[in-house]
């Protein structure tokens, strides 16, 4: 099995761990690392940890810091990246881990004019053509993460349409207008978003537990697909063609909550493709998310330094 993971927002992620962190003071870190990252790229790393060679990450990489990004990717034995080179910089993100409070804080350099990929028509055509070629040999498409504002508004829909026409299952982990525009073109077999993203996309808000479960079921029945809604430490809710499912999360003390959702994506799609059992897929997805929370590496189910 091989899954193509498309990541429009590739990232150079710097993770910094402190015994304690206090604003307004000098803070000295105990651990510092850099990783090639981004939502779908993180999912690709976890997929390759579950089964070697089972995924490839296709992502735009800004020319200005492409060499550094690709060096980071090449150091990661659990990651294979196919870059689409574009003008500008790959964005950068800092994750601050406070061991005393157990908190995770992300700081993202997100200024479109100098830290996003400056995509053009040629790069978008290259991306779409590459996806078309991979769909001939891959079993599914996983597309996750936000669309940089410098990419065409319909790029997510175009990406999903390629996989749909190839008859391949799609897991879509993005929200809002990009998801609604995609649904006008095709319906991903699996939509996985968090609770806030479900509200933002489908127009609900402040629902009770039962109301949220019913809303997910109703939307799944309407779309004839699977919808999965993750909610942090609370039970994961899902529905398949209107039938509701609930899966408890594993109770752990997290070290780093970054990319737990991406790790869930990897576990869920792998198990679902293998067994077509949504309960088993929810269980493996939650397990991968829990394992990821125990490591400082974004999108990993094994601790740093493990083989």
C-alpha atoms as a PDB file:
ATOM      1  CA  UNK A   1       0.000   0.000   0.000  1.00  0.00           C
ATOM      2  CA  UNK A   2       1.232   3.482  -0.868  1.00  0.00           C
ATOM      3  CA  UNK A   3      -0.389   6.807  -0.002  1.00  0.00           C
ATOM      4  CA  UNK A   4       0.371  10.177  -1.581  1.00  0.00           C
ATOM      5  CA  UNK A   5       0.409  12.937   1.057  1.00  0.00           C
ATOM      6  CA  UNK A   6       0.018  16.446  -0.383  1.00  0.00           C
ATOM      7  CA  UNK A   7       1.220  19.268   1.871  1.00  0.00           C
ATOM      8  CA  UNK A   8       0.707  22.804   0.541  1.00  0.00           C
ATOM      9  CA  UNK A   9       2.094  24.395   3.720  1.00  0.00           C
ATOM     10  CA  UNK A  10       5.466  22.760   4.163  1.00  0.00           C
ATOM     11  CA  UNK A  11       7.316  24.082   7.196  1.00  0.00           C
ATOM     12  CA  UNK A  12      10.722  24.238   8.809  1.00  0.00           C
ATOM     13  CA  UNK A  13       9.750  23.379  12.386  1.00  0.00           C
ATOM     14  CA  UNK A  14      11.990  24.238  15.326  1.00  0.00           C
ATOM     15  CA  UNK A  15      11.027  22.521  18.570  1.00  0.00           C
ATOM     16  CA  UNK A  16      12.475  23.965  21.782  1.00  0.00           C
ATOM     17  CA  UNK A  17      11.954  22.326  25.193  1.00  0.00           C
ATOM     18  CA  UNK A  18      12.288  24.223  28.492  1.00  0.00           C
ATOM     19  CA  UNK A  19      12.110  22.976  32.063  1.00  0.00           C
ATOM     20  CA  UNK A  20       9.918  26.031  32.532  1.00  0.00           C
ATOM     21  CA  UNK A  21       9.161  29.075  30.400  1.00  0.00           C
ATOM     22  CA  UNK A  22       8.463  32.559  31.764  1.00  0.00           C
ATOM     23  CA  UNK A  23       7.525  35.493  29.555  1.00  0.00           C
ATOM     24  CA  UNK A  24       9.545  38.649  30.007  1.00  0.00           C
ATOM     25  CA  UNK A  25      12.624  36.731  31.164  1.00  0.00           C
ATOM     26  CA  UNK A  26      15.606  34.943  29.639  1.00  0.00           C
ATOM     27  CA  UNK A  27      14.727  31.286  29.129  1.00  0.00           C
ATOM     28  CA  UNK A  28      17.372  28.635  28.429  1.00  0.00           C
ATOM     29  CA  UNK A  29      16.328  25.500  26.578  1.00  0.00           C
ATOM     30  CA  UNK A  30      17.265  21.896  27.372  1.00  0.00           C
ATOM     31  CA  UNK A  31      16.464  20.406  23.941  1.00  0.00           C
ATOM     32  CA  UNK A  32      16.370  22.027  20.497  1.00  0.00           C
ATOM     33  CA  UNK A  33      15.768  20.382  17.118  1.00  0.00           C
ATOM     34  CA  UNK A  34      14.715  21.159  13.553  1.00  0.00           C
ATOM     35  CA  UNK A  35      12.476  19.062  11.331  1.00  0.00           C
ATOM     36  CA  UNK A  36      10.937  19.196   7.884  1.00  0.00           C
ATOM     37  CA  UNK A  37       7.271  19.491   8.741  1.00  0.00           C
ATOM     38  CA  UNK A  38       3.751  20.428   7.626  1.00  0.00           C
ATOM     39  CA  UNK A  39       0.472  18.597   8.251  1.00  0.00           C
ATOM     40  CA  UNK A  40       0.455  16.083   5.390  1.00  0.00           C
ATOM     41  CA  UNK A  41       4.235  15.726   5.572  1.00  0.00           C
ATOM     42  CA  UNK A  42       3.908  14.800   9.261  1.00  0.00           C
ATOM     43  CA  UNK A  43       1.268  12.223   8.314  1.00  0.00           C
ATOM     44  CA  UNK A  44       3.638  10.815   5.681  1.00  0.00           C
ATOM     45  CA  UNK A  45       6.352  10.357   8.310  1.00  0.00           C
ATOM     46  CA  UNK A  46       3.996   8.399  10.573  1.00  0.00           C
ATOM     47  CA  UNK A  47       2.768   6.261   7.663  1.00  0.00           C
ATOM     48  CA  UNK A  48       6.362   5.327   6.862  1.00  0.00           C
ATOM     49  CA  UNK A  49       6.936   4.439  10.509  1.00  0.00           C
ATOM     50  CA  UNK A  50       3.897   2.158  10.388  1.00  0.00           C
ATOM     51  CA  UNK A  51       5.151   0.566   7.159  1.00  0.00           C
ATOM     52  CA  UNK A  52       8.427   1.487   5.507  1.00  0.00           C
ATOM     53  CA  UNK A  53       7.979   3.045   2.085  1.00  0.00           C
ATOM     54  CA  UNK A  54       4.197   3.347   2.373  1.00  0.00           C
ATOM     55  CA  UNK A  55       3.977   7.073   1.615  1.00  0.00           C
ATOM     56  CA  UNK A  56       5.500   9.972  -0.251  1.00  0.00           C
ATOM     57  CA  UNK A  57       5.087  13.627   0.683  1.00  0.00           C
ATOM     58  CA  UNK A  58       4.534  15.977  -2.255  1.00  0.00           C
ATOM     59  CA  UNK A  59       5.002  19.577  -1.215  1.00  0.00           C
ATOM     60  CA  UNK A  60       5.999  23.030  -2.488  1.00  0.00           C
ATOM     61  CA  UNK A  61       9.377  24.201  -1.204  1.00  0.00           C
ATOM     62  CA  UNK A  62      10.511  27.819  -1.399  1.00  0.00           C
ATOM     63  CA  UNK A  63      13.748  28.305  -3.350  1.00  0.00           C
ATOM     64  CA  UNK A  64      15.226  30.721  -0.809  1.00  0.00           C
ATOM     65  CA  UNK A  65      15.583  28.100   1.921  1.00  0.00           C
ATOM     66  CA  UNK A  66      14.920  24.934  -0.089  1.00  0.00           C
ATOM     67  CA  UNK A  67      18.381  23.487   0.481  1.00  0.00           C
ATOM     68  CA  UNK A  68      17.982  23.649   4.261  1.00  0.00           C
ATOM     69  CA  UNK A  69      14.486  22.125   4.106  1.00  0.00           C
ATOM     70  CA  UNK A  70      15.630  19.250   1.905  1.00  0.00           C
ATOM     71  CA  UNK A  71      18.670  18.576   4.129  1.00  0.00           C
ATOM     72  CA  UNK A  72      16.306  18.241   7.095  1.00  0.00           C
ATOM     73  CA  UNK A  73      14.076  15.897   5.094  1.00  0.00           C
ATOM     74  CA  UNK A  74      17.038  13.789   3.941  1.00  0.00           C
ATOM     75  CA  UNK A  75      18.155  13.262   7.563  1.00  0.00           C
ATOM     76  CA  UNK A  76      14.785  11.699   8.378  1.00  0.00           C
ATOM     77  CA  UNK A  77      14.825   8.017   7.425  1.00  0.00           C
ATOM     78  CA  UNK A  78      11.048   7.883   7.845  1.00  0.00           C
ATOM     79  CA  UNK A  79      10.355  10.548   5.250  1.00  0.00           C
ATOM     80  CA  UNK A  80      10.469  10.771   1.468  1.00  0.00           C
ATOM     81  CA  UNK A  81       9.774  14.214   0.013  1.00  0.00           C
ATOM     82  CA  UNK A  82       9.057  15.063  -3.605  1.00  0.00           C
ATOM     83  CA  UNK A  83       9.561  18.852  -3.770  1.00  0.00           C
ATOM     84  CA  UNK A  84       7.825  21.304  -6.090  1.00  0.00           C
ATOM     85  CA  UNK A  85      10.220  24.251  -6.170  1.00  0.00           C
ATOM     86  CA  UNK A  86       8.623  27.707  -6.083  1.00  0.00           C
ATOM     87  CA  UNK A  87       9.759  31.265  -5.503  1.00  0.00           C
ATOM     88  CA  UNK A  88       9.942  32.631  -1.961  1.00  0.00           C
ATOM     89  CA  UNK A  89      10.611  30.908   1.350  1.00  0.00           C
ATOM     90  CA  UNK A  90       9.313  27.793   3.012  1.00  0.00           C
ATOM     91  CA  UNK A  91       7.569  29.081   6.103  1.00  0.00           C
ATOM     92  CA  UNK A  92       9.063  28.636   9.559  1.00  0.00           C
ATOM     93  CA  UNK A  93       7.484  27.624  12.846  1.00  0.00           C
ATOM     94  CA  UNK A  94       8.691  27.495  16.441  1.00  0.00           C
ATOM     95  CA  UNK A  95       7.200  25.097  18.988  1.00  0.00           C
ATOM     96  CA  UNK A  96       7.857  25.998  22.631  1.00  0.00           C
ATOM     97  CA  UNK A  97       7.451  23.147  25.125  1.00  0.00           C
ATOM     98  CA  UNK A  98       7.121  24.045  28.816  1.00  0.00           C
ATOM     99  CA  UNK A  99       7.788  20.890  30.854  1.00  0.00           C
ATOM    100  CA  UNK A 100       6.597  22.534  34.074  1.00  0.00           C
ATOM    101  CA  UNK A 101       3.102  23.331  32.816  1.00  0.00           C
ATOM    102  CA  UNK A 102       2.943  20.676  30.093  1.00  0.00           C
ATOM    103  CA  UNK A 103       1.979  23.323  27.559  1.00  0.00           C
ATOM    104  CA  UNK A 104       2.735  23.469  23.838  1.00  0.00           C
ATOM    105  CA  UNK A 105       2.916  26.877  22.142  1.00  0.00           C
ATOM    106  CA  UNK A 106       3.354  27.329  18.401  1.00  0.00           C
ATOM    107  CA  UNK A 107       4.701  30.516  16.827  1.00  0.00           C
ATOM    108  CA  UNK A 108       4.354  30.698  13.035  1.00  0.00           C
ATOM    109  CA  UNK A 109       5.999  33.177  10.685  1.00  0.00           C
ATOM    110  CA  UNK A 110       3.061  33.586   8.354  1.00  0.00           C
ATOM    111  CA  UNK A 111       3.604  36.820   6.428  1.00  0.00           C
ATOM    112  CA  UNK A 112       2.474  35.954   2.925  1.00  0.00           C
ATOM    113  CA  UNK A 113       4.717  38.464   1.200  1.00  0.00           C
ATOM    114  CA  UNK A 114       7.972  36.982   2.425  1.00  0.00           C
ATOM    115  CA  UNK A 115       7.420  33.659   4.156  1.00  0.00           C
ATOM    116  CA  UNK A 116       4.972  31.808   1.921  1.00  0.00           C
ATOM    117  CA  UNK A 117       5.562  30.132  -1.385  1.00  0.00           C
ATOM    118  CA  UNK A 118       4.928  32.571  -4.237  1.00  0.00           C
ATOM    119  CA  UNK A 119       3.129  30.036  -6.404  1.00  0.00           C
ATOM    120  CA  UNK A 120       2.587  30.629 -10.086  1.00  0.00           C
ATOM    121  CA  UNK A 121       0.687  28.892 -12.858  1.00  0.00           C
ATOM    122  CA  UNK A 122       3.726  26.790 -13.799  1.00  0.00           C
ATOM    123  CA  UNK A 123       4.210  25.509 -10.246  1.00  0.00           C
ATOM    124  CA  UNK A 124       0.535  24.680  -9.918  1.00  0.00           C
ATOM    125  CA  UNK A 125       0.573  22.768 -13.198  1.00  0.00           C
ATOM    126  CA  UNK A 126       3.681  20.906 -12.039  1.00  0.00           C
ATOM    127  CA  UNK A 127       1.943  20.025  -8.768  1.00  0.00           C
ATOM    128  CA  UNK A 128      -1.239  18.802 -10.475  1.00  0.00           C
ATOM    129  CA  UNK A 129       0.679  16.785 -13.081  1.00  0.00           C
ATOM    130  CA  UNK A 130       2.799  15.176 -10.357  1.00  0.00           C
ATOM    131  CA  UNK A 131      -0.357  14.205  -8.454  1.00  0.00           C
ATOM    132  CA  UNK A 132      -1.827  12.721 -11.625  1.00  0.00           C
ATOM    133  CA  UNK A 133       1.301  10.598 -12.108  1.00  0.00           C
ATOM    134  CA  UNK A 134       1.307   9.416  -8.486  1.00  0.00           C
ATOM    135  CA  UNK A 135      -2.370   8.501  -8.633  1.00  0.00           C
ATOM    136  CA  UNK A 136      -1.465   5.913 -11.249  1.00  0.00           C
ATOM    137  CA  UNK A 137       0.672   4.044  -8.700  1.00  0.00           C
ATOM    138  CA  UNK A 138      -0.676   5.093  -5.278  1.00  0.00           C
ATOM    139  CA  UNK A 139      -3.669   3.636  -3.464  1.00  0.00           C
ATOM    140  CA  UNK A 140      -5.029   6.857  -1.920  1.00  0.00           C
ATOM    141  CA  UNK A 141      -4.588  10.603  -1.496  1.00  0.00           C
ATOM    142  CA  UNK A 142      -4.165  12.345   1.845  1.00  0.00           C
ATOM    143  CA  UNK A 143      -4.304  16.133   1.634  1.00  0.00           C
ATOM    144  CA  UNK A 144      -3.991  18.101   4.856  1.00  0.00           C
ATOM    145  CA  UNK A 145      -3.252  21.621   5.986  1.00  0.00           C
ATOM    146  CA  UNK A 146      -4.071  25.175   5.108  1.00  0.00           C
ATOM    147  CA  UNK A 147      -3.688  26.653   1.625  1.00  0.00           C
ATOM    148  CA  UNK A 148      -1.187  29.540   1.465  1.00  0.00           C
ATOM    149  CA  UNK A 149      -2.942  32.643   0.160  1.00  0.00           C
ATOM    150  CA  UNK A 150      -0.536  32.808  -2.774  1.00  0.00           C
ATOM    151  CA  UNK A 151      -1.985  29.587  -4.222  1.00  0.00           C
ATOM    152  CA  UNK A 152      -5.155  29.583  -6.331  1.00  0.00           C
ATOM    153  CA  UNK A 153      -8.366  29.389  -4.330  1.00  0.00           C
ATOM    154  CA  UNK A 154      -9.456  26.270  -6.198  1.00  0.00           C
ATOM    155  CA  UNK A 155      -6.184  24.345  -5.847  1.00  0.00           C
ATOM    156  CA  UNK A 156      -7.508  21.972  -3.147  1.00  0.00           C
ATOM    157  CA  UNK A 157     -10.542  21.156  -5.287  1.00  0.00           C
ATOM    158  CA  UNK A 158      -8.302  20.546  -8.321  1.00  0.00           C
ATOM    159  CA  UNK A 159      -6.049  18.230  -6.320  1.00  0.00           C
ATOM    160  CA  UNK A 160      -8.973  16.188  -5.015  1.00  0.00           C
ATOM    161  CA  UNK A 161     -10.567  16.062  -8.460  1.00  0.00           C
ATOM    162  CA  UNK A 162      -7.459  14.375  -9.881  1.00  0.00           C
ATOM    163  CA  UNK A 163      -7.648  11.610  -7.275  1.00  0.00           C
ATOM    164  CA  UNK A 164     -11.405  11.313  -7.673  1.00  0.00           C
ATOM    165  CA  UNK A 165     -11.122  10.854 -11.440  1.00  0.00           C
ATOM    166  CA  UNK A 166      -8.448   8.216 -10.836  1.00  0.00           C
ATOM    167  CA  UNK A 167     -10.901   6.354  -8.590  1.00  0.00           C
ATOM    168  CA  UNK A 168      -8.688   6.675  -5.498  1.00  0.00           C
ATOM    169  CA  UNK A 169      -9.936   7.268  -1.918  1.00  0.00           C
ATOM    170  CA  UNK A 170      -9.289  10.734  -0.487  1.00  0.00           C
ATOM    171  CA  UNK A 171      -8.753  11.817   3.102  1.00  0.00           C
ATOM    172  CA  UNK A 172      -9.252  15.587   3.264  1.00  0.00           C
ATOM    173  CA  UNK A 173      -8.034  17.374   6.390  1.00  0.00           C
ATOM    174  CA  UNK A 174      -8.724  21.018   5.638  1.00  0.00           C
ATOM    175  CA  UNK A 175     -11.627  23.339   6.334  1.00  0.00           C
ATOM    176  CA  UNK A 176     -13.739  26.321   5.393  1.00  0.00           C
ATOM    177  CA  UNK A 177     -14.162  27.605   1.861  1.00  0.00           C
ATOM    178  CA  UNK A 178     -11.461  25.281   0.515  1.00  0.00           C
ATOM    179  CA  UNK A 179     -13.446  22.268   1.716  1.00  0.00           C
ATOM    180  CA  UNK A 180     -16.789  23.663   0.558  1.00  0.00           C
ATOM    181  CA  UNK A 181     -15.328  24.414  -2.889  1.00  0.00           C
ATOM    182  CA  UNK A 182     -13.970  20.869  -3.044  1.00  0.00           C
ATOM    183  CA  UNK A 183     -17.402  19.440  -2.251  1.00  0.00           C
ATOM    184  CA  UNK A 184     -18.761  21.221  -5.344  1.00  0.00           C
ATOM    185  CA  UNK A 185     -16.347  19.166  -7.459  1.00  0.00           C
ATOM    186  CA  UNK A 186     -16.194  15.814  -5.641  1.00  0.00           C
ATOM    187  CA  UNK A 187     -16.785  14.320  -2.211  1.00  0.00           C
ATOM    188  CA  UNK A 188     -13.720  13.007  -0.367  1.00  0.00           C
ATOM    189  CA  UNK A 189     -14.377   9.537   1.007  1.00  0.00           C
ATOM    190  CA  UNK A 190     -13.058  10.739   4.373  1.00  0.00           C
ATOM    191  CA  UNK A 191     -13.268  14.251   5.819  1.00  0.00           C
ATOM    192  CA  UNK A 192     -11.296  14.615   9.037  1.00  0.00           C
ATOM    193  CA  UNK A 193     -11.432  17.948  10.864  1.00  0.00           C
ATOM    194  CA  UNK A 194     -11.487  19.110  14.467  1.00  0.00           C
ATOM    195  CA  UNK A 195     -14.558  20.392  16.282  1.00  0.00           C
ATOM    196  CA  UNK A 196     -13.910  24.096  15.680  1.00  0.00           C
ATOM    197  CA  UNK A 197     -13.255  23.411  11.978  1.00  0.00           C
ATOM    198  CA  UNK A 198     -16.532  21.483  11.711  1.00  0.00           C
ATOM    199  CA  UNK A 199     -18.400  24.489  13.085  1.00  0.00           C
ATOM    200  CA  UNK A 200     -16.509  26.934  10.842  1.00  0.00           C
ATOM    201  CA  UNK A 201     -17.173  24.886   7.729  1.00  0.00           C
ATOM    202  CA  UNK A 202     -20.733  23.707   8.165  1.00  0.00           C
ATOM    203  CA  UNK A 203     -22.229  26.642  10.035  1.00  0.00           C
ATOM    204  CA  UNK A 204     -22.981  25.192  13.460  1.00  0.00           C
ATOM    205  CA  UNK A 205     -21.799  26.505  16.806  1.00  0.00           C
ATOM    206  CA  UNK A 206     -21.980  25.713  20.507  1.00  0.00           C
ATOM    207  CA  UNK A 207     -23.759  22.396  20.082  1.00  0.00           C
ATOM    208  CA  UNK A 208     -24.297  19.998  22.942  1.00  0.00           C
ATOM    209  CA  UNK A 209     -22.598  16.614  22.831  1.00  0.00           C
ATOM    210  CA  UNK A 210     -25.696  14.918  21.425  1.00  0.00           C
ATOM    211  CA  UNK A 211     -26.386  17.739  18.976  1.00  0.00           C
ATOM    212  CA  UNK A 212     -22.831  17.620  17.642  1.00  0.00           C
ATOM    213  CA  UNK A 213     -23.039  13.857  17.190  1.00  0.00           C
ATOM    214  CA  UNK A 214     -26.316  14.262  15.302  1.00  0.00           C
ATOM    215  CA  UNK A 215     -24.920  17.075  13.132  1.00  0.00           C
ATOM    216  CA  UNK A 216     -21.934  14.927  12.125  1.00  0.00           C
ATOM    217  CA  UNK A 217     -24.239  12.016  11.345  1.00  0.00           C
ATOM    218  CA  UNK A 218     -26.580  14.192   9.289  1.00  0.00           C
ATOM    219  CA  UNK A 219     -23.743  15.712   7.236  1.00  0.00           C
ATOM    220  CA  UNK A 220     -22.198  12.277   6.648  1.00  0.00           C
ATOM    221  CA  UNK A 221     -25.540  10.916   5.459  1.00  0.00           C
ATOM    222  CA  UNK A 222     -25.975  13.933   3.174  1.00  0.00           C
ATOM    223  CA  UNK A 223     -22.508  13.506   1.646  1.00  0.00           C
ATOM    224  CA  UNK A 224     -22.547   9.667   1.659  1.00  0.00           C
ATOM    225  CA  UNK A 225     -19.075   9.576   3.175  1.00  0.00           C
ATOM    226  CA  UNK A 226     -17.110   9.340   6.412  1.00  0.00           C
ATOM    227  CA  UNK A 227     -16.708  12.385   8.631  1.00  0.00           C
ATOM    228  CA  UNK A 228     -14.333  12.238  11.593  1.00  0.00           C
ATOM    229  CA  UNK A 229     -14.189  15.032  14.176  1.00  0.00           C
ATOM    230  CA  UNK A 230     -11.289  15.036  16.635  1.00  0.00           C
ATOM    231  CA  UNK A 231     -11.678  16.973  19.896  1.00  0.00           C
ATOM    232  CA  UNK A 232      -8.372  16.939  21.718  1.00  0.00           C
ATOM    233  CA  UNK A 233      -8.598  14.713  24.806  1.00  0.00           C
ATOM    234  CA  UNK A 234     -12.359  14.182  24.394  1.00  0.00           C
ATOM    235  CA  UNK A 235     -13.872  11.228  22.535  1.00  0.00           C
ATOM    236  CA  UNK A 236     -13.420  11.287  18.772  1.00  0.00           C
ATOM    237  CA  UNK A 237     -16.773  11.422  16.970  1.00  0.00           C
ATOM    238  CA  UNK A 238     -17.398  10.003  13.515  1.00  0.00           C
ATOM    239  CA  UNK A 239     -20.116   8.906  11.139  1.00  0.00           C
ATOM    240  CA  UNK A 240     -20.181   6.727   8.046  1.00  0.00           C
ATOM    241  CA  UNK A 241     -23.155   7.267   5.743  1.00  0.00           C
ATOM    242  CA  UNK A 242     -25.083   8.579   8.733  1.00  0.00           C
ATOM    243  CA  UNK A 243     -24.133   5.831  11.210  1.00  0.00           C
ATOM    244  CA  UNK A 244     -22.487   7.317  14.305  1.00  0.00           C
ATOM    245  CA  UNK A 245     -19.319   6.125  15.987  1.00  0.00           C
ATOM    246  CA  UNK A 246     -17.482   7.240  19.110  1.00  0.00           C
ATOM    247  CA  UNK A 247     -13.939   6.354  20.155  1.00  0.00           C
ATOM    248  CA  UNK A 248     -12.290   7.336  23.454  1.00  0.00           C
ATOM    249  CA  UNK A 249      -8.841   8.873  23.264  1.00  0.00           C
ATOM    250  CA  UNK A 250      -5.954   7.264  25.111  1.00  0.00           C
ATOM    251  CA  UNK A 251      -5.194   8.943  28.414  1.00  0.00           C
ATOM    252  CA  UNK A 252      -1.557  10.083  28.420  1.00  0.00           C
ATOM    253  CA  UNK A 253       0.458  12.959  29.799  1.00  0.00           C
ATOM    254  CA  UNK A 254       1.518  14.801  26.629  1.00  0.00           C
ATOM    255  CA  UNK A 255       5.003  16.119  26.003  1.00  0.00           C
ATOM    256  CA  UNK A 256       4.187  17.802  22.682  1.00  0.00           C
ATOM    257  CA  UNK A 257       0.694  18.035  21.163  1.00  0.00           C
ATOM    258  CA  UNK A 258       1.958  19.326  17.798  1.00  0.00           C
ATOM    259  CA  UNK A 259       0.920  17.068  14.895  1.00  0.00           C
ATOM    260  CA  UNK A 260      -1.267  14.730  16.945  1.00  0.00           C
ATOM    261  CA  UNK A 261      -4.051  15.312  14.411  1.00  0.00           C
ATOM    262  CA  UNK A 262      -1.657  14.585  11.553  1.00  0.00           C
ATOM    263  CA  UNK A 263      -0.610  11.358  13.244  1.00  0.00           C
ATOM    264  CA  UNK A 264      -4.279  10.464  13.659  1.00  0.00           C
ATOM    265  CA  UNK A 265      -4.760  10.946   9.905  1.00  0.00           C
ATOM    266  CA  UNK A 266      -1.982   8.464   9.172  1.00  0.00           C
ATOM    267  CA  UNK A 267      -3.262   5.769  11.497  1.00  0.00           C
ATOM    268  CA  UNK A 268      -6.865   6.190  10.433  1.00  0.00           C
ATOM    269  CA  UNK A 269      -6.364   6.060   6.664  1.00  0.00           C
ATOM    270  CA  UNK A 270      -3.933   3.150   6.829  1.00  0.00           C
ATOM    271  CA  UNK A 271      -6.237   0.975   8.930  1.00  0.00           C
ATOM    272  CA  UNK A 272      -9.355   1.957   7.000  1.00  0.00           C
ATOM    273  CA  UNK A 273      -7.779   1.114   3.657  1.00  0.00           C
ATOM    274  CA  UNK A 274      -6.644  -2.250   5.009  1.00  0.00           C
ATOM    275  CA  UNK A 275      -9.775  -3.344   6.886  1.00  0.00           C
ATOM    276  CA  UNK A 276     -12.626  -0.979   5.895  1.00  0.00           C
ATOM    277  CA  UNK A 277     -13.443  -1.087   9.629  1.00  0.00           C
ATOM    278  CA  UNK A 278     -14.122   2.428  10.902  1.00  0.00           C
ATOM    279  CA  UNK A 279     -13.927   1.425  14.581  1.00  0.00           C
ATOM    280  CA  UNK A 280     -10.485  -0.131  14.083  1.00  0.00           C
ATOM    281  CA  UNK A 281      -9.406   2.932  12.083  1.00  0.00           C
ATOM    282  CA  UNK A 282     -10.531   5.308  14.846  1.00  0.00           C
ATOM    283  CA  UNK A 283      -8.657   3.219  17.404  1.00  0.00           C
ATOM    284  CA  UNK A 284      -5.382   3.218  15.466  1.00  0.00           C
ATOM    285  CA  UNK A 285      -5.758   6.910  14.669  1.00  0.00           C
ATOM    286  CA  UNK A 286      -6.150   7.779  18.344  1.00  0.00           C
ATOM    287  CA  UNK A 287      -3.255   5.469  19.259  1.00  0.00           C
ATOM    288  CA  UNK A 288      -0.943   7.184  16.765  1.00  0.00           C
ATOM    289  CA  UNK A 289      -2.000  10.581  18.104  1.00  0.00           C
ATOM    290  CA  UNK A 290      -1.237   9.465  21.659  1.00  0.00           C
ATOM    291  CA  UNK A 291       2.178   8.097  20.674  1.00  0.00           C
ATOM    292  CA  UNK A 292       2.988  11.330  18.854  1.00  0.00           C
ATOM    293  CA  UNK A 293       2.191  13.358  21.968  1.00  0.00           C
ATOM    294  CA  UNK A 294       4.990  11.494  23.780  1.00  0.00           C
ATOM    295  CA  UNK A 295       7.780  12.676  21.454  1.00  0.00           C
ATOM    296  CA  UNK A 296       9.197  16.082  20.592  1.00  0.00           C
ATOM    297  CA  UNK A 297       9.296  15.196  16.885  1.00  0.00           C
ATOM    298  CA  UNK A 298       6.297  16.655  15.013  1.00  0.00           C
ATOM    299  CA  UNK A 299       4.459  13.768  13.405  1.00  0.00           C
ATOM    300  CA  UNK A 300       6.207  10.725  14.850  1.00  0.00           C
ATOM    301  CA  UNK A 301       5.136   7.602  16.754  1.00  0.00           C
ATOM    302  CA  UNK A 302       8.595   6.809  18.036  1.00  0.00           C
ATOM    303  CA  UNK A 303      10.808   8.828  20.323  1.00  0.00           C
ATOM    304  CA  UNK A 304      13.663  10.877  18.909  1.00  0.00           C
ATOM    305  CA  UNK A 305      16.717   8.697  18.399  1.00  0.00           C
ATOM    306  CA  UNK A 306      14.763   5.447  18.114  1.00  0.00           C
ATOM    307  CA  UNK A 307      15.236   3.356  14.970  1.00  0.00           C
END
